[in-house]
Protein backbone atom coordinates (compact mmCIF):
# COMPACT_ATOMS: atom_id res chain seq x y z
CA MET A 1 20.64 47.11 0.00
CA HIS A 2 18.92 48.92 2.93
CA ARG A 3 22.29 49.88 4.48
CA ARG A 4 23.89 50.94 0.95
CA SER A 5 20.66 53.23 0.65
CA GLU A 6 21.31 54.78 4.06
CA VAL A 7 24.84 55.34 3.31
CA GLN A 8 24.11 56.85 -0.02
CA ALA A 9 21.71 59.25 1.53
CA ALA A 10 23.91 60.21 4.27
CA LEU A 11 26.76 61.05 1.51
CA ASN A 12 24.30 63.04 -0.47
CA ALA A 13 23.10 64.89 2.46
CA ALA A 14 26.77 65.89 2.89
CA GLY A 15 27.12 67.09 -0.68
CA PHE A 16 28.83 63.96 -1.88
CA ALA A 17 27.90 62.24 -5.09
CA PRO A 18 29.46 58.75 -4.86
CA ALA A 19 29.96 56.80 -8.04
CA PRO A 20 27.79 53.62 -7.80
CA ALA A 21 30.61 51.10 -8.31
CA TRP A 22 32.83 52.88 -5.71
CA LEU A 23 30.11 52.98 -3.38
CA ASP A 24 29.32 49.32 -3.64
CA SER A 25 32.99 48.44 -2.86
CA ALA A 26 32.97 50.79 0.00
CA VAL A 27 29.98 49.57 1.65
CA ALA A 28 31.02 45.87 1.14
CA ARG A 29 34.29 46.66 2.81
CA HIS A 30 32.84 48.04 5.88
CA ALA A 31 29.72 45.63 6.01
CA ALA A 32 30.77 44.01 9.26
CA LYS A 33 31.22 47.21 11.20
CA THR A 34 28.80 49.03 13.28
CA ASP A 35 29.36 52.67 11.82
CA ILE A 36 29.29 51.70 8.46
CA THR A 37 28.15 55.32 7.37
CA GLY A 38 31.03 56.78 9.06
CA CYS A 39 33.58 54.52 7.90
CA VAL A 40 32.39 55.10 4.37
CA MET A 41 32.11 58.82 4.83
CA ARG A 42 36.01 58.81 6.04
CA ASP A 43 36.84 56.80 2.94
CA MET A 44 35.34 59.34 0.76
CA LEU A 45 37.20 62.10 2.27
CA HIS A 46 40.53 60.34 1.44
CA ALA A 47 39.71 59.07 -2.00
CA ASP A 48 40.34 60.82 -5.20
CA LEU A 49 37.29 62.08 -6.83
CA ARG A 50 38.25 60.96 -10.03
CA GLU A 51 37.78 57.33 -8.72
CA SER A 52 34.98 57.80 -6.12
CA SER A 53 32.60 60.49 -7.48
CA ALA A 54 30.18 61.08 -10.06
CA PRO A 55 30.11 64.63 -11.86
CA VAL A 56 28.43 67.40 -9.96
CA LEU A 57 29.43 70.47 -12.15
CA GLN A 58 27.66 71.73 -15.15
CA PRO A 59 29.37 70.34 -18.52
CA ASN A 60 29.75 74.01 -19.59
CA HIS A 61 30.96 75.33 -16.51
CA SER A 62 34.16 77.15 -18.05
CA GLU A 63 31.74 79.40 -20.00
CA LEU A 64 29.52 80.59 -17.12
CA ASN A 65 29.88 84.06 -15.99
CA ALA A 66 28.30 86.10 -13.50
CA VAL A 67 25.67 83.44 -12.29
CA PRO A 68 25.39 81.48 -9.10
CA LEU A 69 26.60 77.77 -8.84
CA GLY A 70 23.00 76.78 -8.35
CA ARG A 71 23.67 73.70 -6.28
CA ARG A 72 25.70 72.69 -3.38
CA VAL A 73 28.65 70.56 -4.35
CA VAL A 74 31.60 68.98 -2.71
CA LEU A 75 34.99 69.55 -4.73
CA GLN A 76 38.51 68.23 -4.31
CA MET A 77 41.51 70.48 -4.08
CA ASP A 78 44.41 69.46 -6.28
CA THR A 79 46.73 72.48 -5.91
CA CYS A 80 46.69 75.92 -4.07
CA VAL A 81 48.96 78.83 -4.75
CA ASP A 82 48.94 82.41 -2.96
CA VAL A 83 48.58 84.65 -5.96
CA SER A 84 49.16 87.89 -3.68
CA GLU A 85 52.82 86.84 -3.04
CA SER A 86 55.60 86.16 -5.58
CA ALA A 87 55.84 82.39 -6.92
CA HIS A 88 59.64 82.92 -7.01
CA GLY A 89 59.64 84.08 -3.49
CA GLN A 90 57.46 81.45 -2.29
CA LEU A 91 59.73 78.64 -3.99
CA GLU A 92 63.01 80.14 -2.59
CA ALA A 93 61.57 79.99 1.04
CA LEU A 94 60.60 76.47 0.45
CA LYS A 95 64.15 75.54 -0.72
CA ARG A 96 65.50 77.27 2.37
CA GLY A 97 63.28 74.99 4.53
CA GLU A 98 61.00 77.99 5.66
CA PRO A 99 57.61 76.79 6.78
CA VAL A 100 54.80 77.81 4.64
CA ARG A 101 52.67 80.53 6.58
CA ALA A 102 49.49 82.31 6.00
CA THR A 103 50.08 85.86 5.12
CA ARG A 104 47.97 88.80 5.68
CA GLY A 105 46.01 89.77 2.76
CA ARG A 106 46.65 86.50 1.01
CA VAL A 107 44.55 85.41 -2.05
CA LEU A 108 44.50 81.63 -2.57
CA LYS A 109 43.94 80.35 -6.16
CA LEU A 110 42.71 76.68 -5.86
CA LYS A 111 42.76 74.05 -8.71
CA LEU A 112 39.49 72.17 -8.01
CA THR A 113 37.96 68.96 -9.44
CA ASP A 114 34.59 67.22 -9.19
CA GLY A 115 36.44 64.13 -10.58
CA ALA A 116 35.40 64.69 -14.21
CA GLN A 117 36.38 68.33 -14.80
CA THR A 118 38.92 70.99 -13.44
CA VAL A 119 37.91 74.26 -12.53
CA LEU A 120 39.66 77.16 -10.71
CA GLY A 121 38.43 78.74 -7.31
CA MET A 122 39.45 82.30 -6.08
CA GLU A 123 39.67 83.18 -2.51
CA TYR A 124 37.36 86.28 -3.13
CA LEU A 125 37.01 86.82 0.70
CA SER A 126 39.51 85.37 3.20
CA ILE A 127 38.35 82.03 4.15
CA PRO A 128 39.94 81.35 7.86
CA ALA A 129 39.20 77.61 7.80
CA LEU A 130 41.55 77.22 4.68
CA THR A 131 44.54 76.82 7.06
CA VAL A 132 48.04 76.03 6.04
CA ALA A 133 47.36 72.60 7.90
CA VAL A 134 44.38 71.77 5.85
CA LEU A 135 45.85 72.80 2.52
CA GLN A 136 46.77 69.24 1.36
CA PRO A 137 46.30 67.68 -2.07
CA GLY A 138 43.00 65.76 -2.06
CA LEU A 139 41.39 68.45 0.58
CA LYS A 140 37.49 68.07 0.19
CA ILE A 141 35.59 71.51 0.38
CA GLU A 142 31.85 72.09 0.03
CA VAL A 143 30.79 74.90 -2.08
CA GLY A 144 27.51 76.47 -1.53
CA SER A 145 24.91 77.14 -4.24
CA SER A 146 25.01 80.81 -3.99
CA THR A 147 28.70 81.01 -4.77
CA VAL A 148 29.13 83.29 -7.82
CA ILE A 149 30.99 82.03 -10.96
CA ARG A 150 32.96 84.64 -13.00
CA ARG A 151 34.26 83.60 -16.13
CA GLY A 152 34.32 80.02 -15.14
CA ILE A 153 36.08 81.01 -11.64
CA LEU A 154 34.34 80.06 -8.59
CA MET A 155 34.63 83.25 -6.30
CA LEU A 156 34.84 81.61 -2.89
CA THR A 157 33.86 83.13 0.41
CA PRO A 158 33.44 82.09 3.99
CA GLN A 159 29.75 82.20 3.88
CA HIS A 160 29.57 79.67 1.32
CA THR A 161 32.68 77.61 1.47
CA ARG A 162 32.88 74.75 4.08
CA VAL A 163 36.18 72.91 4.64
CA LEU A 164 35.34 69.11 5.20
CA GLY A 165 38.90 67.83 5.51
CA GLY A 166 40.84 64.74 4.14
CA ASN A 167 43.72 64.19 1.53
CA VAL A 168 44.78 61.78 -0.99
CA ALA A 169 48.04 60.07 -0.45
CA ALA A 170 48.76 59.48 -4.00
CA LEU A 171 48.48 62.84 -4.87
CA GLN A 172 51.15 64.44 -2.32
CA GLU A 173 54.28 64.14 -4.31
CA GLN A 174 52.63 65.30 -7.79
CA TYR A 175 51.09 68.24 -6.22
CA ARG A 176 53.48 69.22 -3.43
CA PRO A 177 53.93 73.11 -3.18
CA HIS A 178 57.50 72.67 -4.43
CA ASN A 179 56.53 70.90 -7.61
CA VAL A 180 53.38 73.20 -8.14
CA LEU A 181 55.37 76.51 -8.14
CA GLU A 182 58.25 75.12 -10.35
CA ARG A 183 55.79 74.26 -13.03
CA LEU A 184 54.07 77.68 -12.41
CA LEU A 185 57.53 79.35 -13.16
CA GLY A 186 58.40 77.05 -16.06
CA LEU A 187 61.38 75.63 -13.97
CA GLU A 188 60.84 71.98 -14.34
CA GLU A 189 63.88 69.94 -15.19
CA SER A 190 63.65 67.18 -17.60
CA GLU A 191 63.50 63.64 -16.04
CA GLU A 192 66.79 62.76 -17.64
CA LEU A 193 68.55 65.83 -15.87
CA ARG A 194 66.89 64.85 -12.73
CA LYS A 195 68.38 61.44 -12.82
CA CYS A 196 71.92 62.82 -13.91
CA GLY A 197 72.16 65.01 -10.90
CA PRO A 198 74.00 68.59 -10.97
CA THR A 199 77.62 67.20 -11.40
CA THR A 200 76.70 65.13 -14.54
CA ALA A 201 74.48 67.97 -15.93
CA GLN A 202 77.07 70.43 -15.66
CA GLN A 203 79.55 68.20 -17.29
CA LEU A 204 77.13 67.68 -20.16
CA GLU A 205 76.72 71.50 -20.51
CA ALA A 206 80.52 71.81 -20.54
CA ASP A 207 80.96 69.20 -23.26
CA ALA A 208 78.47 71.03 -25.41
CA ASP A 209 80.44 74.08 -24.99
CA ALA A 210 83.80 72.13 -25.91
CA GLU A 211 82.26 70.79 -28.93
CA GLY A 212 81.34 74.12 -30.22
CA ALA A 213 84.85 75.84 -29.58
CA PRO A 214 86.63 74.82 -32.61
CA ASN A 215 83.83 76.35 -34.91
CA THR A 216 84.28 79.51 -33.40
CA GLN A 217 88.10 79.68 -33.55
CA GLN A 218 88.41 78.38 -37.28
CA PRO A 219 87.44 81.83 -38.84
CA GLN A 220 90.15 83.61 -36.67
CA GLN A 221 93.04 81.27 -38.05
CA GLN A 222 92.00 81.85 -41.66
CA SER A 223 92.10 85.52 -41.02
CA GLN A 224 95.46 85.53 -39.69
CA GLN A 225 97.09 83.75 -42.72
CA PRO A 226 97.33 86.58 -45.11
CA GLN A 227 99.09 88.56 -42.43
CA GLN A 228 101.73 85.90 -42.10
CA GLN A 229 102.50 85.79 -45.92
CA GLN A 230 103.30 89.54 -45.96
């Protein structure tokens, strides 16, 4: 219990609020190691806060406006989009295989979670530490108590935002930039069409057109009959 208390104190000092069951399991897993605190800290950085953390945001966070956050918290980034650039242009660049680059004057919109509720964070002032390399689903960031909330959105600044690192392997596919931009643009394909592939999908469309063809030609044939009788 003494070692568990030490680990919890270290995590709390870093801004984390580990869930009791998750912490018990992590401590037991590394009980034989010398640097148990460091091992659990690394686990926390790569764990999904939905499983490893207790809630830290106020339940009515979405209703808050023009007030400071009020406490230092660690949040997890699920998705990130540069709203200063065209979403369509970003998607096309990814499809061409072009690497993601940080643009001058970018404004990042981050989808963040404390494990219990999801909130938005806006890069109000440029945060150099949020590099392309670290912006992976599951990234942990520390948000300072003086961070201003406007209409439920965290206005992130370099003075009150610290990048802790980490990522969550299980979130990489769901929240990869290509998928996020497609959802943003409403371009998701149905699961069935994804399985079919482009050739089959095109065939289905052609078949549907063919089925509708007789209905469009029927009235023309009827209109020509009186002319033939004359």
